[in-house]
Amino acid sequence: MRWRVPAFSVTNLVLPIVFFIFFGLPVASLRRGDGVSIGAYLLASFGAYAVGNVMVYGFGIGVANERGMKVDRLMRASPLPPLVFMLAKVLTALAFALLSLVLLIGFGIVAGGIRETPLVWVTVIARLLAGSLPFITCRCRSRRGSSSRSASCLTSSKPWRPSYRATTTPSSRGARSAPDRSRSA
């Protein structure tokens, strides 16, 4: 899983902080005309980037890679219900996004001197994490394509069973066999 790769984890955690260092710290102490802190505004913006980064590169690409390696077929053969498997992936992605937000906001408070009430920070974190959920559900629904089972693979408690089609031979499909040329010589 991609969470175990140190380069991926460090990049997802540190890149939003690096962007804030370059673009947010120089203007962190400024305020707009209506009193809104530009530093807090940029911190929330880079927080949205941090959550999106985790959801796209962690959850989305992780699911795509697992499908490419046929891990989803292996999991369907296991007794683990698909909903539990996907819920574990979603909760892991949300926890990693939360860690990224806490690090970013903590850095903004310590290095940038951005001061807001704890209720503001909790609200920003909750809204950013809640805003990532539609991206997760879109990925879940699209993982089965346009078939009638698009959402049933996630909500069914029964394991997925493949449909077995009868194999056909060329002669049973109406194909003609090649003429026997040994008699014509």
C-alpha atoms as a PDB file:
ATOM      1  CA  MET A   1       0.000   0.000   0.000  1.00  0.00           C
ATOM      2  CA  ARG A   2       1.215   3.497  -0.804  1.00  0.00           C
ATOM      3  CA  TRP A   3       1.070   4.678   2.838  1.00  0.00           C
ATOM      4  CA  ARG A   4       4.060   2.489   3.648  1.00  0.00           C
ATOM      5  CA  VAL A   5       6.303   4.152   1.066  1.00  0.00           C
ATOM      6  CA  PRO A   6       8.310   6.776   2.993  1.00  0.00           C
ATOM      7  CA  ALA A   7       8.886   9.017  -0.041  1.00  0.00           C
ATOM      8  CA  PHE A   8       5.144   9.187  -0.686  1.00  0.00           C
ATOM      9  CA  SER A   9       4.255   9.842   2.937  1.00  0.00           C
ATOM     10  CA  VAL A  10       6.899  12.526   3.461  1.00  0.00           C
ATOM     11  CA  THR A  11       5.972  14.250   0.205  1.00  0.00           C
ATOM     12  CA  ASN A  12       2.279  14.350   1.106  1.00  0.00           C
ATOM     13  CA  LEU A  13       3.021  15.711   4.561  1.00  0.00           C
ATOM     14  CA  VAL A  14       5.784  18.189   3.730  1.00  0.00           C
ATOM     15  CA  LEU A  15       4.824  19.600   0.317  1.00  0.00           C
ATOM     16  CA  PRO A  16       1.904  21.742   1.588  1.00  0.00           C
ATOM     17  CA  ILE A  17       4.197  23.142   4.289  1.00  0.00           C
ATOM     18  CA  VAL A  18       6.865  23.956   1.688  1.00  0.00           C
ATOM     19  CA  PHE A  19       4.281  25.741  -0.460  1.00  0.00           C
ATOM     20  CA  PHE A  20       3.142  27.707   2.578  1.00  0.00           C
ATOM     21  CA  ILE A  21       6.759  28.664   3.328  1.00  0.00           C
ATOM     22  CA  PHE A  22       7.212  30.082  -0.167  1.00  0.00           C
ATOM     23  CA  PHE A  23       3.819  31.704  -0.704  1.00  0.00           C
ATOM     24  CA  GLY A  24       2.203  32.132   2.720  1.00  0.00           C
ATOM     25  CA  LEU A  25       4.913  33.138   5.170  1.00  0.00           C
ATOM     26  CA  PRO A  26       5.852  36.402   3.412  1.00  0.00           C
ATOM     27  CA  VAL A  27       2.253  37.663   3.745  1.00  0.00           C
ATOM     28  CA  ALA A  28       1.182  35.768   6.888  1.00  0.00           C
ATOM     29  CA  SER A  29       0.920  38.885   9.061  1.00  0.00           C
ATOM     30  CA  LEU A  30      -1.075  40.982   6.569  1.00  0.00           C
ATOM     31  CA  ARG A  31      -4.830  41.583   6.776  1.00  0.00           C
ATOM     32  CA  ARG A  32      -7.335  42.480   4.112  1.00  0.00           C
ATOM     33  CA  GLY A  33      -9.405  45.632   4.338  1.00  0.00           C
ATOM     34  CA  ASP A  34     -12.293  43.749   5.955  1.00  0.00           C
ATOM     35  CA  GLY A  35     -10.014  42.316   8.691  1.00  0.00           C
ATOM     36  CA  VAL A  36      -9.540  38.807   7.303  1.00  0.00           C
ATOM     37  CA  SER A  37      -6.038  37.434   7.883  1.00  0.00           C
ATOM     38  CA  ILE A  38      -4.325  36.661   4.574  1.00  0.00           C
ATOM     39  CA  GLY A  39      -2.136  34.109   6.363  1.00  0.00           C
ATOM     40  CA  ALA A  40      -5.163  32.224   7.697  1.00  0.00           C
ATOM     41  CA  TYR A  41      -6.804  32.389   4.271  1.00  0.00           C
ATOM     42  CA  LEU A  42      -3.702  30.942   2.593  1.00  0.00           C
ATOM     43  CA  LEU A  43      -3.341  28.347   5.333  1.00  0.00           C
ATOM     44  CA  ALA A  44      -6.890  27.132   4.663  1.00  0.00           C
ATOM     45  CA  SER A  45      -6.174  27.145   0.910  1.00  0.00           C
ATOM     46  CA  PHE A  46      -3.044  25.044   1.300  1.00  0.00           C
ATOM     47  CA  GLY A  47      -5.028  22.828   3.666  1.00  0.00           C
ATOM     48  CA  ALA A  48      -7.447  22.151   0.807  1.00  0.00           C
ATOM     49  CA  TYR A  49      -4.458  21.288  -1.358  1.00  0.00           C
ATOM     50  CA  ALA A  50      -3.096  18.956   1.338  1.00  0.00           C
ATOM     51  CA  VAL A  51      -6.386  17.059   1.633  1.00  0.00           C
ATOM     52  CA  GLY A  52      -6.818  16.886  -2.139  1.00  0.00           C
ATOM     53  CA  ASN A  53      -3.273  15.673  -2.536  1.00  0.00           C
ATOM     54  CA  VAL A  54      -3.837  12.820  -0.089  1.00  0.00           C
ATOM     55  CA  MET A  55      -7.168  11.848  -1.643  1.00  0.00           C
ATOM     56  CA  VAL A  56      -5.958  11.872  -5.239  1.00  0.00           C
ATOM     57  CA  TYR A  57      -2.468  10.468  -4.841  1.00  0.00           C
ATOM     58  CA  GLY A  58      -3.121   8.286  -1.826  1.00  0.00           C
ATOM     59  CA  PHE A  59      -6.637   6.985  -2.164  1.00  0.00           C
ATOM     60  CA  GLY A  60      -7.407   7.373  -5.865  1.00  0.00           C
ATOM     61  CA  ILE A  61      -4.151   6.209  -7.362  1.00  0.00           C
ATOM     62  CA  GLY A  62      -3.830   3.559  -4.656  1.00  0.00           C
ATOM     63  CA  VAL A  63      -7.166   2.028  -5.661  1.00  0.00           C
ATOM     64  CA  ALA A  64      -6.186   2.221  -9.340  1.00  0.00           C
ATOM     65  CA  ASN A  65      -2.850   0.502  -8.688  1.00  0.00           C
ATOM     66  CA  GLU A  66      -4.526  -2.207  -6.642  1.00  0.00           C
ATOM     67  CA  ARG A  67      -6.976  -2.808  -9.466  1.00  0.00           C
ATOM     68  CA  GLY A  68      -4.073  -3.038 -11.898  1.00  0.00           C
ATOM     69  CA  MET A  69      -2.358  -5.625  -9.704  1.00  0.00           C
ATOM     70  CA  LYS A  70      -5.651  -7.519  -9.280  1.00  0.00           C
ATOM     71  CA  VAL A  71      -5.690  -7.013  -5.512  1.00  0.00           C
ATOM     72  CA  ASP A  72      -9.409  -6.238  -5.716  1.00  0.00           C
ATOM     73  CA  ARG A  73     -10.063  -9.715  -7.148  1.00  0.00           C
ATOM     74  CA  LEU A  74      -8.028 -11.263  -4.380  1.00  0.00           C
ATOM     75  CA  MET A  75     -10.005  -9.315  -1.775  1.00  0.00           C
ATOM     76  CA  ARG A  76     -13.291 -10.464  -3.347  1.00  0.00           C
ATOM     77  CA  ALA A  77     -12.209 -14.050  -2.776  1.00  0.00           C
ATOM     78  CA  SER A  78     -11.595 -13.363   0.908  1.00  0.00           C
ATOM     79  CA  PRO A  79     -14.374 -13.474   3.526  1.00  0.00           C
ATOM     80  CA  LEU A  80     -13.867  -9.739   4.248  1.00  0.00           C
ATOM     81  CA  PRO A  81     -16.962  -7.794   3.147  1.00  0.00           C
ATOM     82  CA  PRO A  82     -16.153  -5.231   0.410  1.00  0.00           C
ATOM     83  CA  LEU A  83     -17.721  -2.415   2.413  1.00  0.00           C
ATOM     84  CA  VAL A  84     -15.374  -3.048   5.349  1.00  0.00           C
ATOM     85  CA  PHE A  85     -12.352  -3.126   3.033  1.00  0.00           C
ATOM     86  CA  MET A  86     -13.306   0.153   1.356  1.00  0.00           C
ATOM     87  CA  LEU A  87     -14.257   1.776   4.665  1.00  0.00           C
ATOM     88  CA  ALA A  88     -10.822   0.920   6.049  1.00  0.00           C
ATOM     89  CA  LYS A  89      -9.198   2.561   3.023  1.00  0.00           C
ATOM     90  CA  VAL A  90     -11.377   5.675   3.406  1.00  0.00           C
ATOM     91  CA  LEU A  91     -10.669   6.005   7.131  1.00  0.00           C
ATOM     92  CA  THR A  92      -6.941   5.564   6.537  1.00  0.00           C
ATOM     93  CA  ALA A  93      -6.984   8.288   3.881  1.00  0.00           C
ATOM     94  CA  LEU A  94      -8.964  10.609   6.166  1.00  0.00           C
ATOM     95  CA  ALA A  95      -6.560   9.991   9.060  1.00  0.00           C
ATOM     96  CA  PHE A  96      -3.587  10.737   6.830  1.00  0.00           C
ATOM     97  CA  ALA A  97      -5.290  13.919   5.569  1.00  0.00           C
ATOM     98  CA  LEU A  98      -5.975  14.932   9.175  1.00  0.00           C
ATOM     99  CA  LEU A  99      -2.309  14.441  10.032  1.00  0.00           C
ATOM    100  CA  SER A 100      -1.320  16.577   7.057  1.00  0.00           C
ATOM    101  CA  LEU A 101      -3.717  19.350   8.158  1.00  0.00           C
ATOM    102  CA  VAL A 102      -2.535  19.284  11.766  1.00  0.00           C
ATOM    103  CA  LEU A 103       1.097  19.585  10.673  1.00  0.00           C
ATOM    104  CA  LEU A 104       0.298  22.424   8.257  1.00  0.00           C
ATOM    105  CA  ILE A 105      -1.814  24.405  10.727  1.00  0.00           C
ATOM    106  CA  GLY A 106       0.690  23.821  13.507  1.00  0.00           C
ATOM    107  CA  PHE A 107       3.467  25.143  11.284  1.00  0.00           C
ATOM    108  CA  GLY A 108       1.350  28.170  10.352  1.00  0.00           C
ATOM    109  CA  ILE A 109       0.694  28.961  14.007  1.00  0.00           C
ATOM    110  CA  VAL A 110       4.300  28.515  15.119  1.00  0.00           C
ATOM    111  CA  ALA A 111       6.257  29.932  12.162  1.00  0.00           C
ATOM    112  CA  GLY A 112       3.705  32.328  10.694  1.00  0.00           C
ATOM    113  CA  GLY A 113       2.214  33.648  13.897  1.00  0.00           C
ATOM    114  CA  ILE A 114      -1.313  33.104  12.601  1.00  0.00           C
ATOM    115  CA  ARG A 115      -3.799  33.425  15.438  1.00  0.00           C
ATOM    116  CA  GLU A 116      -7.355  32.158  15.242  1.00  0.00           C
ATOM    117  CA  THR A 117      -9.602  30.604  17.854  1.00  0.00           C
ATOM    118  CA  PRO A 118      -9.477  26.809  18.249  1.00  0.00           C
ATOM    119  CA  LEU A 119     -13.091  26.666  17.055  1.00  0.00           C
ATOM    120  CA  VAL A 120     -12.039  28.224  13.731  1.00  0.00           C
ATOM    121  CA  TRP A 121      -9.312  25.619  13.245  1.00  0.00           C
ATOM    122  CA  VAL A 122     -11.645  22.745  14.135  1.00  0.00           C
ATOM    123  CA  THR A 123     -14.239  24.106  11.702  1.00  0.00           C
ATOM    124  CA  VAL A 124     -11.656  24.446   8.907  1.00  0.00           C
ATOM    125  CA  ILE A 125     -10.390  20.905   9.473  1.00  0.00           C
ATOM    126  CA  ALA A 126     -13.907  19.429   9.626  1.00  0.00           C
ATOM    127  CA  ARG A 127     -15.007  21.207   6.453  1.00  0.00           C
ATOM    128  CA  LEU A 128     -11.895  20.241   4.527  1.00  0.00           C
ATOM    129  CA  LEU A 129     -12.210  16.586   5.519  1.00  0.00           C
ATOM    130  CA  ALA A 130     -15.947  16.570   4.778  1.00  0.00           C
ATOM    131  CA  GLY A 131     -15.226  18.197   1.419  1.00  0.00           C
ATOM    132  CA  SER A 132     -13.020  15.274   0.463  1.00  0.00           C
ATOM    133  CA  LEU A 133     -15.777  12.678   0.864  1.00  0.00           C
ATOM    134  CA  PRO A 134     -17.481  13.329  -2.498  1.00  0.00           C
ATOM    135  CA  PHE A 135     -14.189  12.569  -4.244  1.00  0.00           C
ATOM    136  CA  ILE A 136     -13.986   9.242  -2.435  1.00  0.00           C
ATOM    137  CA  THR A 137     -17.559   8.249  -3.268  1.00  0.00           C
ATOM    138  CA  CYS A 138     -17.032   9.184  -6.928  1.00  0.00           C
ATOM    139  CA  ARG A 139     -14.008   6.891  -7.048  1.00  0.00           C
ATOM    140  CA  CYS A 140     -15.952   4.080  -5.377  1.00  0.00           C
ATOM    141  CA  ARG A 141     -18.864   4.337  -7.764  1.00  0.00           C
ATOM    142  CA  SER A 142     -16.680   4.499 -10.845  1.00  0.00           C
ATOM    143  CA  ARG A 143     -14.587   1.479  -9.949  1.00  0.00           C
ATOM    144  CA  ARG A 144     -17.110  -0.899 -11.505  1.00  0.00           C
ATOM    145  CA  GLY A 145     -17.804   1.196 -14.579  1.00  0.00           C
ATOM    146  CA  SER A 146     -21.335   1.602 -15.812  1.00  0.00           C
ATOM    147  CA  SER A 147     -22.572  -1.855 -14.906  1.00  0.00           C
ATOM    148  CA  SER A 148     -25.624  -2.414 -12.761  1.00  0.00           C
ATOM    149  CA  ARG A 149     -23.344  -3.523  -9.921  1.00  0.00           C
ATOM    150  CA  SER A 150     -21.672  -0.094  -9.631  1.00  0.00           C
ATOM    151  CA  ALA A 151     -22.622   0.554  -6.015  1.00  0.00           C
ATOM    152  CA  SER A 152     -23.599  -2.965  -5.006  1.00  0.00           C
ATOM    153  CA  CYS A 153     -19.964  -4.057  -4.732  1.00  0.00           C
ATOM    154  CA  LEU A 154     -19.555  -1.671  -1.826  1.00  0.00           C
ATOM    155  CA  THR A 155     -22.789  -2.235   0.017  1.00  0.00           C
ATOM    156  CA  SER A 156     -23.379  -5.951  -0.392  1.00  0.00           C
ATOM    157  CA  SER A 157     -22.429  -8.219   2.485  1.00  0.00           C
ATOM    158  CA  LYS A 158     -22.140 -11.157   0.092  1.00  0.00           C
ATOM    159  CA  PRO A 159     -18.809 -11.747  -1.633  1.00  0.00           C
ATOM    160  CA  TRP A 160     -18.716 -11.029  -5.329  1.00  0.00           C
ATOM    161  CA  ARG A 161     -19.100 -14.111  -7.476  1.00  0.00           C
ATOM    162  CA  PRO A 162     -17.978 -14.152 -11.110  1.00  0.00           C
ATOM    163  CA  SER A 163     -20.461 -15.204 -13.742  1.00  0.00           C
ATOM    164  CA  TYR A 164     -19.399 -18.323 -15.574  1.00  0.00           C
ATOM    165  CA  ARG A 165     -20.080 -18.309 -19.286  1.00  0.00           C
ATOM    166  CA  ALA A 166     -20.083 -21.449 -21.312  1.00  0.00           C
ATOM    167  CA  THR A 167     -16.969 -21.620 -23.411  1.00  0.00           C
ATOM    168  CA  THR A 168     -17.575 -21.932 -27.094  1.00  0.00           C
ATOM    169  CA  THR A 169     -15.444 -23.578 -29.722  1.00  0.00           C
ATOM    170  CA  PRO A 170     -15.138 -22.211 -33.268  1.00  0.00           C
ATOM    171  CA  SER A 171     -17.250 -25.073 -34.654  1.00  0.00           C
ATOM    172  CA  SER A 172     -20.098 -24.419 -32.238  1.00  0.00           C
ATOM    173  CA  ARG A 173     -20.321 -20.770 -33.352  1.00  0.00           C
ATOM    174  CA  GLY A 174     -21.022 -21.742 -36.945  1.00  0.00           C
ATOM    175  CA  ALA A 175     -17.497 -21.468 -38.276  1.00  0.00           C
ATOM    176  CA  ARG A 176     -16.650 -23.766 -41.142  1.00  0.00           C
ATOM    177  CA  SER A 177     -13.775 -26.130 -40.837  1.00  0.00           C
ATOM    178  CA  ALA A 178     -11.023 -26.026 -43.448  1.00  0.00           C
ATOM    179  CA  PRO A 179     -11.535 -28.425 -46.371  1.00  0.00           C
ATOM    180  CA  ASP A 180      -9.515 -31.624 -46.350  1.00  0.00           C
ATOM    181  CA  ARG A 181      -6.940 -31.238 -49.173  1.00  0.00           C
ATOM    182  CA  SER A 182      -5.336 -34.649 -48.756  1.00  0.00           C
ATOM    183  CA  ARG A 183      -7.890 -36.352 -51.045  1.00  0.00           C
ATOM    184  CA  SER A 184      -7.558 -33.891 -53.932  1.00  0.00           C
ATOM    185  CA  ALA A 185      -3.928 -34.800 -54.764  1.00  0.00           C
END
